[in-house]
């Protein structure tokens, strides 16, 4: 697989991780007995911009990934792939943690 395709795959992976984390958080905070503990998310929710900022983060990562691919810089591609992969893994793991908490709350 070429670096361009791998980087685009990482952009998709990162985006899906963000969406998974966001959806499980949004669902979980609507259940009684569950509350958001992330102070940054709480602040964004307080000002009612949480959804918009999440969309901005995902869009920025997608645009950055596309920009790096178009520049064809090997070092930038390598760093971007690793950063997106790690970020995507973190967001997926948080989403799975949210899902576990939701499942416990529902049983």
N, C-alpha and C. Protein backbone atom coordinates (compact mmCIF):
# COMPACT_ATOMS: atom_id res chain seq x y z
N UNK A 1 0.85 -1.18 0.00
CA UNK A 1 0.00 0.00 0.00
C UNK A 1 0.89 1.24 0.00
N UNK A 2 0.60 2.18 -0.87
CA UNK A 2 1.37 3.40 -0.94
C UNK A 2 1.13 4.29 0.26
N UNK A 3 2.06 5.22 0.47
CA UNK A 3 1.93 6.13 1.61
C UNK A 3 0.69 7.00 1.51
N UNK A 4 0.32 7.39 0.30
CA UNK A 4 -0.86 8.22 0.12
C UNK A 4 -2.11 7.48 0.60
N UNK A 5 -2.25 6.24 0.19
CA UNK A 5 -3.41 5.44 0.59
C UNK A 5 -3.39 5.16 2.09
N UNK A 6 -2.20 4.90 2.62
CA UNK A 6 -2.09 4.63 4.06
C UNK A 6 -2.48 5.86 4.87
N UNK A 7 -2.04 7.03 4.44
CA UNK A 7 -2.39 8.25 5.15
C UNK A 7 -3.88 8.52 5.07
N UNK A 8 -4.47 8.31 3.90
CA UNK A 8 -5.91 8.50 3.79
C UNK A 8 -6.67 7.49 4.64
N UNK A 9 -6.15 6.27 4.74
CA UNK A 9 -6.75 5.28 5.63
C UNK A 9 -6.68 5.73 7.09
N UNK A 10 -5.56 6.34 7.47
CA UNK A 10 -5.43 6.85 8.84
C UNK A 10 -6.38 8.01 9.09
N UNK A 11 -6.62 8.84 8.08
CA UNK A 11 -7.58 9.94 8.22
C UNK A 11 -8.98 9.36 8.47
N UNK A 12 -9.34 8.33 7.72
CA UNK A 12 -10.64 7.69 7.91
C UNK A 12 -10.71 7.03 9.28
N UNK A 13 -9.66 6.34 9.68
CA UNK A 13 -9.60 5.69 10.99
C UNK A 13 -9.76 6.71 12.12
N UNK A 14 -9.03 7.82 12.02
CA UNK A 14 -9.13 8.89 13.00
C UNK A 14 -10.55 9.44 13.05
N UNK A 15 -11.12 9.69 11.89
CA UNK A 15 -12.47 10.25 11.83
C UNK A 15 -13.49 9.31 12.46
N UNK A 16 -13.40 8.03 12.15
CA UNK A 16 -14.32 7.05 12.73
C UNK A 16 -14.15 6.95 14.24
N UNK A 17 -12.90 7.02 14.71
CA UNK A 17 -12.66 7.00 16.15
C UNK A 17 -13.30 8.20 16.83
N UNK A 18 -13.16 9.38 16.23
CA UNK A 18 -13.77 10.60 16.78
C UNK A 18 -15.29 10.48 16.82
N UNK A 19 -15.86 10.02 15.73
CA UNK A 19 -17.32 9.89 15.66
C UNK A 19 -17.81 8.87 16.68
N UNK A 20 -17.12 7.74 16.80
CA UNK A 20 -17.50 6.70 17.76
C UNK A 20 -17.45 7.25 19.18
N UNK A 21 -16.38 7.92 19.53
CA UNK A 21 -16.24 8.52 20.86
C UNK A 21 -17.34 9.55 21.10
N UNK A 22 -17.57 10.40 20.13
CA UNK A 22 -18.57 11.46 20.27
C UNK A 22 -19.97 10.89 20.45
N UNK A 23 -20.34 9.91 19.62
CA UNK A 23 -21.68 9.34 19.71
C UNK A 23 -21.91 8.59 21.02
N UNK A 24 -20.92 7.85 21.47
CA UNK A 24 -21.09 7.14 22.74
C UNK A 24 -21.15 8.11 23.91
N UNK A 25 -20.38 9.19 23.84
CA UNK A 25 -20.45 10.21 24.89
C UNK A 25 -21.82 10.89 24.87
N UNK A 26 -22.27 11.28 23.70
CA UNK A 26 -23.56 11.96 23.58
C UNK A 26 -24.70 11.07 24.08
N UNK A 27 -24.64 9.79 23.77
CA UNK A 27 -25.67 8.87 24.25
C UNK A 27 -25.56 8.68 25.76
N UNK A 28 -24.35 8.48 26.23
CA UNK A 28 -24.15 8.19 27.65
C UNK A 28 -24.56 9.33 28.57
N UNK A 29 -24.32 10.56 28.17
CA UNK A 29 -24.66 11.67 29.07
C UNK A 29 -26.17 11.88 29.17
N UNK A 30 -26.93 11.25 28.29
CA UNK A 30 -28.38 11.34 28.37
C UNK A 30 -28.99 10.26 29.25
N UNK A 31 -28.18 9.33 29.75
CA UNK A 31 -28.66 8.30 30.65
C UNK A 31 -28.59 8.81 32.08
N UNK A 32 -29.59 8.46 32.86
CA UNK A 32 -29.56 8.91 34.26
C UNK A 32 -28.45 8.18 35.01
N UNK A 33 -27.77 8.91 35.83
CA UNK A 33 -26.69 8.33 36.62
C UNK A 33 -25.32 8.43 35.97
N UNK A 34 -25.27 8.84 34.72
CA UNK A 34 -23.99 9.00 34.03
C UNK A 34 -23.73 10.49 33.80
N UNK A 35 -22.48 10.87 33.94
CA UNK A 35 -22.11 12.26 33.73
C UNK A 35 -20.76 12.32 33.03
N UNK A 36 -20.55 13.37 32.29
CA UNK A 36 -19.27 13.58 31.62
C UNK A 36 -18.24 14.02 32.66
N UNK A 37 -17.05 13.45 32.58
CA UNK A 37 -15.99 13.78 33.54
C UNK A 37 -14.85 14.58 32.92
N UNK A 38 -14.80 14.66 31.60
CA UNK A 38 -13.74 15.39 30.92
C UNK A 38 -14.00 16.89 31.05
N UNK A 39 -13.11 17.61 31.73
CA UNK A 39 -13.36 19.04 31.96
C UNK A 39 -13.42 19.87 30.67
N UNK A 40 -12.69 19.46 29.65
CA UNK A 40 -12.74 20.19 28.38
C UNK A 40 -14.10 20.02 27.72
N UNK A 41 -14.60 18.80 27.70
CA UNK A 41 -15.92 18.55 27.12
C UNK A 41 -16.98 19.27 27.94
N UNK A 42 -16.85 19.25 29.26
CA UNK A 42 -17.81 19.96 30.11
C UNK A 42 -17.83 21.45 29.80
N UNK A 43 -16.66 22.04 29.59
CA UNK A 43 -16.58 23.45 29.24
C UNK A 43 -17.25 23.72 27.90
N UNK A 44 -16.97 22.87 26.91
CA UNK A 44 -17.59 23.03 25.60
C UNK A 44 -19.10 22.86 25.67
N UNK A 45 -19.56 21.93 26.50
CA UNK A 45 -21.00 21.73 26.68
C UNK A 45 -21.63 22.95 27.37
N UNK A 46 -20.92 23.51 28.32
CA UNK A 46 -21.42 24.68 29.04
C UNK A 46 -21.71 25.83 28.07
N UNK A 47 -20.84 26.01 27.09
CA UNK A 47 -21.03 27.07 26.10
C UNK A 47 -21.78 26.59 24.86
N UNK A 48 -22.27 25.36 24.92
CA UNK A 48 -23.08 24.79 23.85
C UNK A 48 -22.37 24.79 22.49
N UNK A 49 -21.08 24.44 22.50
CA UNK A 49 -20.31 24.36 21.25
C UNK A 49 -19.60 23.01 21.09
N UNK A 50 -19.97 22.05 21.91
CA UNK A 50 -19.29 20.76 21.89
C UNK A 50 -19.39 20.07 20.53
N UNK A 51 -20.59 19.99 19.98
CA UNK A 51 -20.76 19.31 18.68
C UNK A 51 -20.00 20.04 17.57
N UNK A 52 -20.07 21.35 17.59
CA UNK A 52 -19.40 22.14 16.56
C UNK A 52 -17.88 21.99 16.62
N UNK A 53 -17.32 21.99 17.82
CA UNK A 53 -15.87 21.83 17.98
C UNK A 53 -15.44 20.44 17.52
N UNK A 54 -16.24 19.44 17.82
CA UNK A 54 -15.92 18.07 17.39
C UNK A 54 -15.91 17.99 15.86
N UNK A 55 -16.88 18.59 15.23
CA UNK A 55 -16.91 18.62 13.76
C UNK A 55 -15.69 19.36 13.22
N UNK A 56 -15.32 20.45 13.87
CA UNK A 56 -14.14 21.21 13.46
C UNK A 56 -12.86 20.37 13.59
N UNK A 57 -12.73 19.62 14.67
CA UNK A 57 -11.55 18.76 14.88
C UNK A 57 -11.46 17.70 13.78
N UNK A 58 -12.57 17.05 13.49
CA UNK A 58 -12.57 16.00 12.47
C UNK A 58 -12.27 16.60 11.09
N UNK A 59 -12.92 17.71 10.78
CA UNK A 59 -12.72 18.36 9.48
C UNK A 59 -11.27 18.83 9.32
N UNK A 60 -10.72 19.39 10.37
CA UNK A 60 -9.33 19.86 10.31
C UNK A 60 -8.37 18.70 10.06
N UNK A 61 -8.59 17.57 10.74
CA UNK A 61 -7.72 16.41 10.54
C UNK A 61 -7.84 15.88 9.11
N UNK A 62 -9.05 15.85 8.58
CA UNK A 62 -9.23 15.38 7.20
C UNK A 62 -8.52 16.30 6.23
N UNK A 63 -8.73 17.59 6.39
CA UNK A 63 -8.07 18.57 5.50
C UNK A 63 -6.56 18.51 5.61
N UNK A 64 -6.06 18.37 6.84
CA UNK A 64 -4.61 18.27 7.03
C UNK A 64 -4.07 17.03 6.35
N UNK A 65 -4.77 15.90 6.50
CA UNK A 65 -4.33 14.67 5.86
C UNK A 65 -4.28 14.80 4.35
N UNK A 66 -5.30 15.41 3.78
CA UNK A 66 -5.33 15.62 2.33
C UNK A 66 -4.22 16.57 1.90
N UNK A 67 -3.98 17.61 2.69
CA UNK A 67 -2.91 18.56 2.38
C UNK A 67 -1.55 17.87 2.39
N UNK A 68 -1.30 17.05 3.39
CA UNK A 68 -0.01 16.35 3.49
C UNK A 68 0.17 15.41 2.31
N UNK A 69 -0.90 14.72 1.92
CA UNK A 69 -0.81 13.82 0.77
C UNK A 69 -0.48 14.61 -0.49
N UNK A 70 -1.10 15.78 -0.64
CA UNK A 70 -0.86 16.56 -1.86
C UNK A 70 0.55 17.16 -1.89
N UNK A 71 1.14 17.42 -0.73
CA UNK A 71 2.49 17.97 -0.68
C UNK A 71 3.56 16.91 -0.95
N UNK A 72 3.21 15.67 -0.71
CA UNK A 72 4.09 14.53 -0.98
C UNK A 72 5.41 14.57 -0.20
N UNK A 73 5.39 15.14 0.97
CA UNK A 73 6.57 15.15 1.82
C UNK A 73 6.61 13.86 2.62
N UNK A 74 7.68 13.12 2.48
CA UNK A 74 7.79 11.82 3.14
C UNK A 74 7.79 11.96 4.66
N UNK A 75 8.56 12.89 5.19
CA UNK A 75 8.62 13.08 6.63
C UNK A 75 7.28 13.52 7.19
N UNK A 76 6.64 14.47 6.52
CA UNK A 76 5.33 14.94 6.97
C UNK A 76 4.30 13.82 6.90
N UNK A 77 4.36 13.00 5.86
CA UNK A 77 3.42 11.87 5.74
C UNK A 77 3.63 10.87 6.87
N UNK A 78 4.88 10.55 7.16
CA UNK A 78 5.16 9.59 8.23
C UNK A 78 4.68 10.10 9.58
N UNK A 79 4.99 11.34 9.89
CA UNK A 79 4.57 11.93 11.16
C UNK A 79 3.05 12.02 11.22
N UNK A 80 2.43 12.42 10.15
CA UNK A 80 0.97 12.55 10.11
C UNK A 80 0.29 11.20 10.29
N UNK A 81 0.81 10.18 9.61
CA UNK A 81 0.21 8.85 9.75
C UNK A 81 0.29 8.37 11.20
N UNK A 82 1.44 8.56 11.82
CA UNK A 82 1.60 8.11 13.20
C UNK A 82 0.71 8.91 14.15
N UNK A 83 0.64 10.22 13.95
CA UNK A 83 -0.20 11.06 14.82
C UNK A 83 -1.67 10.71 14.66
N UNK A 84 -2.12 10.53 13.43
CA UNK A 84 -3.51 10.17 13.21
C UNK A 84 -3.83 8.78 13.73
N UNK A 85 -2.88 7.85 13.57
CA UNK A 85 -3.10 6.49 14.06
C UNK A 85 -3.23 6.49 15.58
N UNK A 86 -2.33 7.17 16.26
CA UNK A 86 -2.37 7.22 17.73
C UNK A 86 -3.65 7.92 18.20
N UNK A 87 -3.96 9.04 17.57
CA UNK A 87 -5.17 9.78 17.95
C UNK A 87 -6.42 8.95 17.69
N UNK A 88 -6.46 8.28 16.56
CA UNK A 88 -7.60 7.41 16.26
C UNK A 88 -7.73 6.27 17.26
N UNK A 89 -6.60 5.66 17.62
CA UNK A 89 -6.63 4.58 18.62
C UNK A 89 -7.13 5.09 19.97
N UNK A 90 -6.68 6.27 20.36
CA UNK A 90 -7.13 6.84 21.63
C UNK A 90 -8.63 7.09 21.59
N UNK A 91 -9.11 7.68 20.51
CA UNK A 91 -10.54 7.98 20.42
C UNK A 91 -11.38 6.71 20.36
N UNK A 92 -10.90 5.67 19.65
CA UNK A 92 -11.60 4.40 19.64
C UNK A 92 -11.62 3.78 21.03
N UNK A 93 -10.50 3.82 21.73
CA UNK A 93 -10.46 3.22 23.07
C UNK A 93 -11.38 3.96 24.03
N UNK A 94 -11.45 5.28 23.91
CA UNK A 94 -12.37 6.05 24.75
C UNK A 94 -13.82 5.71 24.38
N UNK A 95 -14.09 5.54 23.11
CA UNK A 95 -15.43 5.15 22.68
C UNK A 95 -15.82 3.79 23.24
N UNK A 96 -14.89 2.83 23.22
CA UNK A 96 -15.17 1.51 23.80
C UNK A 96 -15.34 1.60 25.32
N UNK A 97 -14.57 2.46 25.96
CA UNK A 97 -14.73 2.67 27.39
C UNK A 97 -16.13 3.25 27.66
N UNK A 98 -16.53 4.22 26.87
CA UNK A 98 -17.88 4.78 27.00
C UNK A 98 -18.93 3.70 26.81
N UNK A 99 -18.75 2.86 25.80
CA UNK A 99 -19.70 1.80 25.52
C UNK A 99 -19.80 0.83 26.70
N UNK A 100 -18.69 0.51 27.32
CA UNK A 100 -18.69 -0.36 28.50
C UNK A 100 -19.46 0.28 29.64
N UNK A 101 -19.24 1.56 29.87
CA UNK A 101 -19.95 2.27 30.93
C UNK A 101 -21.46 2.31 30.64
N UNK A 102 -21.81 2.55 29.39
CA UNK A 102 -23.22 2.57 29.00
C UNK A 102 -23.86 1.21 29.22
N UNK A 103 -23.18 0.15 28.82
CA UNK A 103 -23.72 -1.20 28.98
C UNK A 103 -23.93 -1.53 30.46
N UNK A 104 -23.00 -1.14 31.31
CA UNK A 104 -23.17 -1.35 32.76
C UNK A 104 -24.35 -0.57 33.29
N UNK A 105 -24.53 0.64 32.81
CA UNK A 105 -25.63 1.48 33.30
C UNK A 105 -26.99 0.93 32.85
N UNK A 106 -27.02 0.28 31.69
CA UNK A 106 -28.27 -0.25 31.17
C UNK A 106 -28.66 -1.59 31.79
N UNK A 107 -27.72 -2.25 32.42
CA UNK A 107 -28.04 -3.58 33.00
C UNK A 107 -28.31 -3.47 34.48
